[in-house]
Amino acid sequence: MALKASELSVGDTYSECLVEDLKRTQIVQYAGASGDYNPLHTDEIFTTKVAGYPTVFAHGMLTMGMTGRMLTNYVGDGRLTKYGVRFTNQVWPGDTLNSTATVESVEDGIVKLKVETTNQDGTVVLSGYAEARVD
């Protein structure tokens, strides 16, 4: 069912849980799918001993992709016209991520959305924007 401009108001929100208890396996699977084998995401010894982080962490693009799925679940496939983000904090194995899209405007068949993804502690890990065609 297509999202209707007439049913949207500034301030409306749509939220989804993107992942509960992110597994290292999911991070490694993303590395394989994307071809991004940066050791910060896949090599515990490098990440802790050389880079000084507590453990490996998720690719920013994995978080962006999961957030993008939330957006297309909301606005519909093939309707996004813009999508941009800023990675604000790392996503660690074990994190649970929730994402919210907030309507900022609806004009001429385009909805503008503020996008925010947070972890289980309420820390923002991704902030951004999206625009989509609406009926």
N, C-alpha and C. Protein backbone atom coordinates (compact mmCIF):
# COMPACT_ATOMS: atom_id res chain seq x y z
N MET A 1 0.85 -1.18 0.00
CA MET A 1 0.00 0.00 0.00
C MET A 1 0.90 1.24 0.00
N ALA A 2 0.68 2.11 -0.93
CA ALA A 2 1.52 3.29 -1.10
C ALA A 2 1.22 4.34 -0.03
N LEU A 3 2.27 5.00 0.41
CA LEU A 3 2.16 6.08 1.37
C LEU A 3 1.47 7.26 0.68
N LYS A 4 0.49 7.85 1.34
CA LYS A 4 -0.29 8.95 0.75
C LYS A 4 0.10 10.28 1.40
N ALA A 5 0.39 11.27 0.56
CA ALA A 5 0.74 12.60 1.07
C ALA A 5 -0.36 13.16 1.95
N SER A 6 -1.61 12.89 1.58
CA SER A 6 -2.75 13.43 2.33
C SER A 6 -2.86 12.83 3.73
N GLU A 7 -2.19 11.72 3.97
CA GLU A 7 -2.24 11.07 5.28
C GLU A 7 -1.04 11.41 6.15
N LEU A 8 -0.13 12.26 5.64
CA LEU A 8 1.08 12.61 6.38
C LEU A 8 1.00 14.01 6.95
N SER A 9 1.55 14.17 8.15
CA SER A 9 1.63 15.48 8.79
C SER A 9 3.04 15.68 9.33
N VAL A 10 3.47 16.94 9.34
CA VAL A 10 4.78 17.26 9.92
C VAL A 10 4.80 16.75 11.36
N GLY A 11 5.87 16.06 11.70
CA GLY A 11 6.02 15.50 13.04
C GLY A 11 5.64 14.04 13.15
N ASP A 12 4.94 13.50 12.14
CA ASP A 12 4.62 12.06 12.15
C ASP A 12 5.92 11.26 12.19
N THR A 13 5.89 10.14 12.88
CA THR A 13 7.08 9.29 12.95
C THR A 13 6.75 7.86 12.58
N TYR A 14 7.78 7.16 12.11
CA TYR A 14 7.72 5.73 11.83
C TYR A 14 8.99 5.14 12.41
N SER A 15 8.86 4.09 13.21
CA SER A 15 10.03 3.48 13.86
C SER A 15 10.04 1.98 13.65
N GLU A 16 11.25 1.43 13.65
CA GLU A 16 11.45 -0.02 13.54
C GLU A 16 12.68 -0.42 14.34
N CYS A 17 12.65 -1.61 14.86
CA CYS A 17 13.86 -2.22 15.41
C CYS A 17 14.60 -2.82 14.22
N LEU A 18 15.84 -2.40 14.00
CA LEU A 18 16.63 -2.88 12.86
C LEU A 18 17.29 -4.22 13.15
N VAL A 19 17.80 -4.37 14.36
CA VAL A 19 18.48 -5.61 14.75
C VAL A 19 18.51 -5.68 16.27
N GLU A 20 18.29 -6.86 16.79
CA GLU A 20 18.46 -7.11 18.21
C GLU A 20 19.71 -7.95 18.39
N ASP A 21 20.60 -7.53 19.27
CA ASP A 21 21.81 -8.28 19.57
C ASP A 21 22.62 -8.59 18.31
N LEU A 22 23.15 -7.53 17.69
CA LEU A 22 23.96 -7.68 16.48
C LEU A 22 25.08 -8.68 16.72
N LYS A 23 25.19 -9.66 15.86
CA LYS A 23 26.19 -10.72 16.00
C LYS A 23 27.44 -10.40 15.18
N ARG A 24 28.57 -10.87 15.67
CA ARG A 24 29.82 -10.75 14.91
C ARG A 24 29.67 -11.41 13.54
N THR A 25 28.94 -12.50 13.51
CA THR A 25 28.70 -13.21 12.25
C THR A 25 28.05 -12.28 11.22
N GLN A 26 27.11 -11.45 11.66
CA GLN A 26 26.45 -10.53 10.74
C GLN A 26 27.45 -9.49 10.21
N ILE A 27 28.37 -9.05 11.07
CA ILE A 27 29.39 -8.09 10.64
C ILE A 27 30.31 -8.73 9.61
N VAL A 28 30.72 -9.98 9.86
CA VAL A 28 31.60 -10.68 8.92
C VAL A 28 30.86 -10.97 7.61
N GLN A 29 29.58 -11.33 7.71
CA GLN A 29 28.79 -11.56 6.49
C GLN A 29 28.72 -10.28 5.66
N TYR A 30 28.55 -9.14 6.32
CA TYR A 30 28.53 -7.88 5.59
C TYR A 30 29.88 -7.61 4.93
N ALA A 31 30.97 -7.92 5.65
CA ALA A 31 32.30 -7.75 5.05
C ALA A 31 32.40 -8.55 3.76
N GLY A 32 31.91 -9.79 3.77
CA GLY A 32 31.94 -10.62 2.57
C GLY A 32 31.06 -10.07 1.46
N ALA A 33 29.87 -9.61 1.81
CA ALA A 33 28.94 -9.09 0.80
C ALA A 33 29.46 -7.79 0.18
N SER A 34 30.11 -6.96 1.00
CA SER A 34 30.55 -5.65 0.52
C SER A 34 31.98 -5.67 -0.03
N GLY A 35 32.75 -6.69 0.37
CA GLY A 35 34.16 -6.72 -0.01
C GLY A 35 35.03 -5.85 0.87
N ASP A 36 34.45 -5.30 1.95
CA ASP A 36 35.19 -4.43 2.86
C ASP A 36 35.71 -5.26 4.04
N TYR A 37 36.93 -5.71 3.92
CA TYR A 37 37.55 -6.54 4.95
C TYR A 37 38.50 -5.73 5.84
N ASN A 38 38.19 -4.46 6.05
CA ASN A 38 39.00 -3.65 6.94
C ASN A 38 39.13 -4.41 8.27
N PRO A 39 40.35 -4.58 8.78
CA PRO A 39 40.53 -5.38 10.00
C PRO A 39 39.81 -4.81 11.22
N LEU A 40 39.44 -3.54 11.21
CA LEU A 40 38.67 -2.99 12.33
C LEU A 40 37.32 -3.68 12.49
N HIS A 41 36.85 -4.30 11.41
CA HIS A 41 35.55 -4.96 11.43
C HIS A 41 35.65 -6.47 11.56
N THR A 42 36.83 -7.03 11.33
CA THR A 42 36.93 -8.49 11.23
C THR A 42 38.04 -9.13 12.07
N ASP A 43 39.01 -8.35 12.51
CA ASP A 43 40.19 -8.92 13.17
C ASP A 43 40.28 -8.41 14.61
N GLU A 44 39.87 -9.24 15.54
CA GLU A 44 39.84 -8.86 16.96
C GLU A 44 41.21 -8.45 17.47
N ILE A 45 42.25 -9.19 17.13
CA ILE A 45 43.59 -8.89 17.64
C ILE A 45 44.07 -7.54 17.10
N PHE A 46 43.92 -7.30 15.81
CA PHE A 46 44.30 -6.00 15.24
C PHE A 46 43.52 -4.87 15.91
N THR A 47 42.21 -5.06 16.02
CA THR A 47 41.35 -3.99 16.54
C THR A 47 41.70 -3.64 17.98
N THR A 48 41.99 -4.65 18.81
CA THR A 48 42.25 -4.38 20.22
C THR A 48 43.71 -4.01 20.48
N LYS A 49 44.64 -4.73 19.87
CA LYS A 49 46.06 -4.54 20.19
C LYS A 49 46.70 -3.40 19.40
N VAL A 50 46.32 -3.24 18.15
CA VAL A 50 46.95 -2.22 17.29
C VAL A 50 46.14 -0.92 17.30
N ALA A 51 44.84 -1.04 17.07
CA ALA A 51 44.01 0.16 16.93
C ALA A 51 43.49 0.69 18.28
N GLY A 52 43.49 -0.15 19.31
CA GLY A 52 43.11 0.31 20.64
C GLY A 52 41.63 0.39 20.93
N TYR A 53 40.81 -0.28 20.13
CA TYR A 53 39.37 -0.33 20.39
C TYR A 53 39.07 -1.54 21.28
N PRO A 54 37.92 -1.54 21.95
CA PRO A 54 37.60 -2.66 22.83
C PRO A 54 37.28 -3.96 22.09
N THR A 55 36.84 -3.87 20.87
CA THR A 55 36.52 -5.03 20.05
C THR A 55 36.26 -4.55 18.62
N VAL A 56 35.97 -5.49 17.72
CA VAL A 56 35.60 -5.12 16.35
C VAL A 56 34.28 -4.35 16.40
N PHE A 57 33.99 -3.61 15.33
CA PHE A 57 32.72 -2.90 15.27
C PHE A 57 32.16 -2.96 13.85
N ALA A 58 30.87 -2.68 13.74
CA ALA A 58 30.17 -2.80 12.46
C ALA A 58 30.60 -1.72 11.47
N HIS A 59 30.51 -2.05 10.20
CA HIS A 59 30.72 -1.08 9.12
C HIS A 59 29.62 -0.02 9.20
N GLY A 60 29.98 1.22 8.97
CA GLY A 60 28.95 2.26 8.91
C GLY A 60 27.91 1.96 7.85
N MET A 61 28.37 1.42 6.73
CA MET A 61 27.43 1.13 5.64
C MET A 61 26.46 0.00 5.99
N LEU A 62 26.82 -0.88 6.91
CA LEU A 62 25.87 -1.89 7.38
C LEU A 62 24.73 -1.20 8.12
N THR A 63 25.08 -0.26 9.00
CA THR A 63 24.06 0.49 9.72
C THR A 63 23.21 1.31 8.75
N MET A 64 23.86 1.92 7.76
CA MET A 64 23.12 2.71 6.76
C MET A 64 22.17 1.82 5.97
N GLY A 65 22.63 0.63 5.60
CA GLY A 65 21.78 -0.28 4.84
C GLY A 65 20.57 -0.74 5.63
N MET A 66 20.78 -1.08 6.91
CA MET A 66 19.64 -1.50 7.74
C MET A 66 18.67 -0.35 7.94
N THR A 67 19.19 0.86 8.09
CA THR A 67 18.33 2.04 8.23
C THR A 67 17.57 2.29 6.92
N GLY A 68 18.24 2.10 5.81
CA GLY A 68 17.58 2.25 4.50
C GLY A 68 16.43 1.28 4.32
N ARG A 69 16.59 0.06 4.84
CA ARG A 69 15.50 -0.92 4.77
C ARG A 69 14.28 -0.41 5.54
N MET A 70 14.52 0.21 6.71
CA MET A 70 13.41 0.80 7.47
C MET A 70 12.70 1.85 6.62
N LEU A 71 13.49 2.69 5.92
CA LEU A 71 12.89 3.74 5.10
C LEU A 71 12.03 3.16 3.98
N THR A 72 12.55 2.14 3.28
CA THR A 72 11.75 1.57 2.18
C THR A 72 10.55 0.81 2.72
N ASN A 73 10.66 0.26 3.92
CA ASN A 73 9.47 -0.36 4.52
C ASN A 73 8.39 0.69 4.75
N TYR A 74 8.81 1.92 5.07
CA TYR A 74 7.87 3.01 5.33
C TYR A 74 7.33 3.63 4.05
N VAL A 75 8.20 4.04 3.15
CA VAL A 75 7.74 4.79 1.97
C VAL A 75 7.45 3.90 0.77
N GLY A 76 7.98 2.67 0.76
CA GLY A 76 7.76 1.76 -0.36
C GLY A 76 9.00 1.64 -1.23
N ASP A 77 9.13 0.50 -1.87
CA ASP A 77 10.26 0.25 -2.77
C ASP A 77 10.24 1.22 -3.95
N GLY A 78 11.41 1.67 -4.35
CA GLY A 78 11.53 2.51 -5.53
C GLY A 78 11.05 3.93 -5.35
N ARG A 79 10.80 4.37 -4.12
CA ARG A 79 10.26 5.71 -3.90
C ARG A 79 11.28 6.70 -3.32
N LEU A 80 12.38 6.19 -2.76
CA LEU A 80 13.39 7.10 -2.23
C LEU A 80 14.04 7.88 -3.36
N THR A 81 14.19 9.18 -3.18
CA THR A 81 14.87 10.00 -4.18
C THR A 81 16.18 10.57 -3.64
N LYS A 82 16.29 10.66 -2.31
CA LYS A 82 17.52 11.11 -1.66
C LYS A 82 17.66 10.37 -0.34
N TYR A 83 18.91 10.10 0.03
CA TYR A 83 19.19 9.46 1.32
C TYR A 83 20.64 9.73 1.66
N GLY A 84 20.87 10.39 2.77
CA GLY A 84 22.22 10.69 3.21
C GLY A 84 22.32 10.58 4.71
N VAL A 85 23.49 10.17 5.20
CA VAL A 85 23.65 9.99 6.63
C VAL A 85 25.01 10.47 7.11
N ARG A 86 25.11 10.58 8.41
CA ARG A 86 26.37 10.84 9.11
C ARG A 86 26.47 9.78 10.19
N PHE A 87 27.62 9.12 10.27
CA PHE A 87 27.85 8.11 11.30
C PHE A 87 28.38 8.83 12.54
N THR A 88 27.66 8.73 13.65
CA THR A 88 27.98 9.53 14.82
C THR A 88 28.61 8.72 15.96
N ASN A 89 28.42 7.42 15.98
CA ASN A 89 29.02 6.55 16.99
C ASN A 89 29.15 5.15 16.43
N GLN A 90 30.08 4.39 17.00
CA GLN A 90 30.28 3.02 16.54
C GLN A 90 29.12 2.11 16.95
N VAL A 91 28.94 1.07 16.15
CA VAL A 91 27.97 0.02 16.45
C VAL A 91 28.76 -1.24 16.78
N TRP A 92 28.53 -1.77 17.97
CA TRP A 92 29.30 -2.89 18.50
C TRP A 92 28.52 -4.19 18.45
N PRO A 93 29.21 -5.32 18.41
CA PRO A 93 28.51 -6.60 18.55
C PRO A 93 27.68 -6.56 19.84
N GLY A 94 26.48 -7.09 19.77
CA GLY A 94 25.57 -7.09 20.91
C GLY A 94 24.61 -5.92 20.93
N ASP A 95 24.87 -4.90 20.10
CA ASP A 95 23.97 -3.74 20.08
C ASP A 95 22.61 -4.11 19.50
N THR A 96 21.60 -3.42 20.00
CA THR A 96 20.26 -3.45 19.42
C THR A 96 20.04 -2.06 18.84
N LEU A 97 19.62 -2.01 17.58
CA LEU A 97 19.44 -0.73 16.89
C LEU A 97 17.98 -0.47 16.56
N ASN A 98 17.55 0.74 16.84
CA ASN A 98 16.21 1.20 16.50
C ASN A 98 16.33 2.45 15.65
N SER A 99 15.45 2.57 14.68
CA SER A 99 15.53 3.71 13.77
C SER A 99 14.17 4.38 13.64
N THR A 100 14.20 5.70 13.51
CA THR A 100 12.98 6.48 13.38
C THR A 100 13.11 7.47 12.22
N ALA A 101 12.06 7.54 11.43
CA ALA A 101 11.93 8.56 10.39
C ALA A 101 10.85 9.54 10.85
N THR A 102 11.17 10.83 10.80
CA THR A 102 10.23 11.87 11.22
C THR A 102 9.93 12.77 10.03
N VAL A 103 8.65 12.98 9.76
CA VAL A 103 8.23 13.83 8.64
C VAL A 103 8.56 15.28 8.96
N GLU A 104 9.36 15.89 8.08
CA GLU A 104 9.71 17.31 8.23
C GLU A 104 8.86 18.20 7.32
N SER A 105 8.48 17.67 6.15
CA SER A 105 7.60 18.41 5.25
C SER A 105 7.03 17.46 4.21
N VAL A 106 5.90 17.86 3.66
CA VAL A 106 5.28 17.15 2.54
C VAL A 106 4.85 18.22 1.55
N GLU A 107 5.46 18.17 0.35
CA GLU A 107 5.22 19.23 -0.62
C GLU A 107 5.40 18.69 -2.03
N ASP A 108 4.44 18.95 -2.90
CA ASP A 108 4.54 18.56 -4.31
C ASP A 108 4.87 17.09 -4.50
N GLY A 109 4.25 16.23 -3.69
CA GLY A 109 4.45 14.79 -3.84
C GLY A 109 5.76 14.26 -3.30
N ILE A 110 6.46 15.08 -2.50
CA ILE A 110 7.73 14.66 -1.90
C ILE A 110 7.64 14.81 -0.39
N VAL A 111 7.97 13.75 0.33
CA VAL A 111 8.06 13.82 1.78
C VAL A 111 9.53 13.92 2.15
N LYS A 112 9.85 14.88 3.02
CA LYS A 112 11.21 15.03 3.53
C LYS A 112 11.23 14.47 4.95
N LEU A 113 12.22 13.62 5.21
CA LEU A 113 12.29 12.92 6.48
C LEU A 113 13.61 13.17 7.19
N LYS A 114 13.54 13.32 8.49
CA LYS A 114 14.73 13.29 9.35
C LYS A 114 14.86 11.83 9.79
N VAL A 115 16.08 11.31 9.76
CA VAL A 115 16.31 9.90 10.08
C VAL A 115 17.31 9.81 11.23
N GLU A 116 17.00 8.93 12.18
CA GLU A 116 17.90 8.75 13.31
C GLU A 116 17.88 7.29 13.75
N THR A 117 19.06 6.72 13.94
CA THR A 117 19.20 5.35 14.43
C THR A 117 19.95 5.42 15.76
N THR A 118 19.41 4.73 16.77
CA THR A 118 20.00 4.73 18.10
C THR A 118 20.28 3.30 18.55
N ASN A 119 21.21 3.18 19.51
CA ASN A 119 21.45 1.86 20.10
C ASN A 119 20.58 1.68 21.33
N GLN A 120 20.77 0.56 22.02
CA GLN A 120 19.95 0.21 23.18
C GLN A 120 20.08 1.21 24.33
N ASP A 121 21.13 2.01 24.33
CA ASP A 121 21.33 3.01 25.38
C ASP A 121 20.75 4.37 24.98
N GLY A 122 20.17 4.45 23.78
CA GLY A 122 19.64 5.72 23.30
C GLY A 122 20.68 6.60 22.63
N THR A 123 21.90 6.09 22.47
CA THR A 123 22.96 6.85 21.81
C THR A 123 22.73 6.86 20.31
N VAL A 124 22.77 8.04 19.71
CA VAL A 124 22.59 8.16 18.25
C VAL A 124 23.83 7.60 17.57
N VAL A 125 23.64 6.62 16.69
CA VAL A 125 24.76 6.04 15.94
C VAL A 125 24.75 6.48 14.48
N LEU A 126 23.61 6.99 14.03
CA LEU A 126 23.47 7.46 12.64
C LEU A 126 22.40 8.54 12.64
N SER A 127 22.69 9.65 11.94
CA SER A 127 21.67 10.69 11.73
C SER A 127 21.70 11.05 10.26
N GLY A 128 20.55 11.43 9.75
CA GLY A 128 20.52 11.76 8.33
C GLY A 128 19.19 12.27 7.85
N TYR A 129 19.01 12.16 6.56
CA TYR A 129 17.81 12.68 5.91
C TYR A 129 17.43 11.75 4.76
N ALA A 130 16.18 11.85 4.36
CA ALA A 130 15.71 11.13 3.17
C ALA A 130 14.57 11.93 2.55
N GLU A 131 14.41 11.72 1.27
CA GLU A 131 13.26 12.24 0.56
C GLU A 131 12.67 11.13 -0.26
N ALA A 132 11.33 11.15 -0.40
CA ALA A 132 10.66 10.09 -1.15
C ALA A 132 9.44 10.63 -1.85
N ARG A 133 9.14 10.01 -2.99
CA ARG A 133 7.89 10.32 -3.70
C ARG A 133 6.73 9.69 -2.97
N VAL A 134 5.66 10.44 -2.81
CA VAL A 134 4.45 9.91 -2.19
C VAL A 134 3.26 10.22 -3.11
N ASP A 135 2.25 9.38 -3.02
CA ASP A 135 1.05 9.56 -3.88
C ASP A 135 0.17 10.67 -3.35
